[in-house]
Amino acid sequence: MSVLTRAALLGLATGARSTSGLAALALSRPAGAGALGNRWVRRLLGAAAAGELIGDKLPQTPSRLQPEGLAPRLVLGAVTGAILARREGAGRNRALQAGALGLLGATAGSRLGVSWRRRAAQRFGRDTPGALIEDAWCAVAARYAGQRR
C-alpha cells in the first residue's frame, strides 16, 4: 500500500479518534527513534488515545463536527500524514501530498463516523455498540496504516 493511501487511512482514523493516528505512529516507532520514539511521548500519546476511547462515549462529549472538535482532527490528520511520509523517506512534495490526504481523510472520517454512529444508534437502540465498533475499526486502521514498511 502506498504511503499516500496509508496517509489517507491514518486521516480517516484520526477523524474518528483524533489521537489515533499520532499514537499509531509513535507506538510503531522503535523506542528512542526521533521525537515520536521518546518513551514519554509514546506514553503520553498512548494515554491520550486510551482516554479518548473512554471520553468519546460520555454523553457530555460534544460533537466532533463542532469547530472545537473538528479543527484539531483536521490539523492532526494533516500532521500525521506528513510525518508518515517523511518517516518513510518521502521528499517534501510527497509529504505535503500525504498531509493533504491526511486532512481529507480526517474530514471524511469525522463525517462518516457521525453518520455511522447515528445509524448504529437507530439499529441498536443506543450509541455504545456503534461506538465500540468504530473504536475497533479505528484501532485496526491506524495500526495497519502506521506500521513501518
Protein backbone atom coordinates (compact mmCIF):
# COMPACT_ATOMS: atom_id res chain seq x y z
CA MET A 1 0.00 0.00 0.00
CA SER A 2 1.44 3.38 -0.97
CA VAL A 3 2.38 6.00 1.57
CA LEU A 4 -0.34 8.28 0.19
CA THR A 5 -3.02 5.64 0.68
CA ARG A 6 -1.74 4.97 4.19
CA ALA A 7 -1.78 8.72 4.94
CA ALA A 8 -5.42 8.90 3.88
CA LEU A 9 -6.23 5.85 6.03
CA LEU A 10 -4.48 7.42 9.04
CA GLY A 11 -6.52 10.55 8.36
CA LEU A 12 -9.74 8.52 8.38
CA ALA A 13 -8.76 7.02 11.73
CA THR A 14 -7.84 10.47 13.06
CA GLY A 15 -11.25 11.74 12.03
CA ALA A 16 -12.80 9.03 14.18
CA ARG A 17 -10.46 9.38 17.17
CA SER A 18 -8.26 12.46 16.99
CA THR A 19 -5.16 10.98 18.65
CA SER A 20 -5.26 7.58 16.96
CA GLY A 21 -3.01 8.43 14.02
CA LEU A 22 -0.22 10.01 16.03
CA ALA A 23 -0.45 7.27 18.66
CA ALA A 24 -0.14 4.61 15.95
CA LEU A 25 2.95 6.31 14.52
CA ALA A 26 4.53 6.70 17.95
CA LEU A 27 3.81 3.15 19.05
CA SER A 28 5.15 1.70 15.78
CA ARG A 29 8.48 3.52 16.12
CA PRO A 30 11.45 1.89 17.79
CA ALA A 31 11.95 3.26 21.28
CA GLY A 32 14.26 6.28 21.22
CA ALA A 33 13.93 6.87 17.46
CA GLY A 34 13.10 10.54 16.99
CA ALA A 35 10.60 12.63 18.90
CA LEU A 36 7.75 10.13 18.49
CA GLY A 37 10.03 7.36 19.72
CA ASN A 38 10.69 9.14 23.03
CA ARG A 39 9.27 6.96 25.78
CA TRP A 40 7.39 9.84 27.41
CA VAL A 41 5.86 10.94 24.12
CA ARG A 42 4.84 7.35 23.41
CA ARG A 43 3.26 7.02 26.86
CA LEU A 44 1.51 10.37 26.57
CA LEU A 45 0.05 9.57 23.13
CA GLY A 46 -0.97 6.09 24.25
CA ALA A 47 -2.71 7.53 27.31
CA ALA A 48 -4.38 10.25 25.21
CA ALA A 49 -5.69 7.63 22.77
CA ALA A 50 -6.99 5.47 25.62
CA GLY A 51 -8.59 8.48 27.29
CA GLU A 52 -10.27 9.46 24.05
CA LEU A 53 -11.74 5.97 23.69
CA ILE A 54 -13.40 6.44 27.08
CA GLY A 55 -14.33 10.12 26.71
CA ASP A 56 -15.93 9.56 23.33
CA LYS A 57 -18.75 7.61 24.93
CA LEU A 58 -19.65 10.16 27.59
CA PRO A 59 -22.95 11.94 26.97
CA GLN A 60 -21.46 15.40 27.59
CA THR A 61 -18.80 14.95 24.89
CA PRO A 62 -19.51 17.50 22.12
CA SER A 63 -19.94 16.50 18.50
CA ARG A 64 -16.74 16.01 16.57
CA LEU A 65 -18.28 18.16 13.83
CA GLN A 66 -18.35 21.27 16.00
CA PRO A 67 -15.39 23.59 15.32
CA GLU A 68 -13.63 22.77 18.61
CA GLY A 69 -13.76 19.06 17.78
CA LEU A 70 -13.22 19.20 14.04
CA ALA A 71 -10.30 21.66 13.82
CA PRO A 72 -7.86 19.56 15.88
CA ARG A 73 -8.80 16.45 13.91
CA LEU A 74 -8.07 18.18 10.62
CA VAL A 75 -4.72 19.52 11.84
CA LEU A 76 -3.73 16.17 13.36
CA GLY A 77 -4.80 14.34 10.19
CA ALA A 78 -2.55 16.58 8.09
CA VAL A 79 0.37 16.36 10.51
CA THR A 80 0.05 12.58 10.80
CA GLY A 81 0.05 12.12 7.03
CA ALA A 82 3.11 14.33 6.60
CA ILE A 83 5.00 12.60 9.44
CA LEU A 84 4.23 9.19 7.95
CA ALA A 85 5.55 10.24 4.55
CA ARG A 86 8.76 11.75 5.96
CA ARG A 87 9.32 8.69 8.16
CA GLU A 88 9.06 6.51 5.05
CA GLY A 89 11.72 8.59 3.29
CA ALA A 90 9.46 10.69 1.09
CA GLY A 91 10.56 14.13 -0.04
CA ARG A 92 8.94 17.43 0.83
CA ASN A 93 6.41 17.42 -2.01
CA ARG A 94 5.26 13.88 -1.25
CA ALA A 95 4.98 14.79 2.45
CA LEU A 96 2.78 17.77 1.52
CA GLN A 97 0.59 15.49 -0.58
CA ALA A 98 0.37 12.99 2.27
CA GLY A 99 -0.54 15.81 4.66
CA ALA A 100 -3.32 16.95 2.32
CA LEU A 101 -4.64 13.40 2.07
CA GLY A 102 -4.46 13.06 5.87
CA LEU A 103 -6.53 16.23 6.19
CA LEU A 104 -9.09 14.98 3.64
CA GLY A 105 -9.19 11.61 5.36
CA ALA A 106 -9.80 13.27 8.73
CA THR A 107 -12.65 15.28 7.23
CA ALA A 108 -14.22 12.16 5.77
CA GLY A 109 -13.58 10.12 8.93
CA SER A 110 -15.27 12.72 11.10
CA ARG A 111 -18.36 12.90 8.92
CA LEU A 112 -18.58 9.17 8.26
CA GLY A 113 -18.11 8.42 11.96
CA VAL A 114 -21.01 10.65 12.95
CA SER A 115 -23.19 9.11 10.25
CA TRP A 116 -22.22 5.60 11.29
CA ARG A 117 -22.90 6.27 14.96
CA ARG A 118 -26.30 7.77 14.16
CA ARG A 119 -27.30 4.72 12.12
CA ALA A 120 -25.91 2.29 14.66
CA ALA A 121 -27.82 4.02 17.46
CA GLN A 122 -31.03 3.64 15.46
CA ARG A 123 -30.28 -0.03 14.81
CA PHE A 124 -29.14 -0.98 18.33
CA GLY A 125 -31.33 1.44 20.25
CA ARG A 126 -28.32 3.11 21.87
CA ASP A 127 -24.97 4.59 20.90
CA THR A 128 -22.50 2.31 22.69
CA PRO A 129 -22.40 -0.68 20.28
CA GLY A 130 -21.76 1.59 17.31
CA ALA A 131 -19.09 3.47 19.25
CA LEU A 132 -17.29 0.24 20.14
CA ILE A 133 -17.37 -0.94 16.54
CA GLU A 134 -15.99 2.44 15.48
CA ASP A 135 -13.25 2.13 18.12
CA ALA A 136 -12.24 -1.28 16.78
CA TRP A 137 -12.19 -0.13 13.16
CA CYS A 138 -10.20 2.96 14.07
CA ALA A 139 -7.59 1.00 16.04
CA VAL A 140 -7.10 -1.60 13.30
CA ALA A 141 -6.89 1.01 10.53
CA ALA A 142 -4.44 3.21 12.45
CA ARG A 143 -2.22 0.28 13.40
CA TYR A 144 -2.17 -1.10 9.86
CA ALA A 145 -1.51 2.27 8.20
CA GLY A 146 1.05 3.34 10.81
CA GLN A 147 3.28 0.27 10.57
CA ARG A 148 6.70 0.76 9.08
CA ARG A 149 7.11 -0.65 5.58
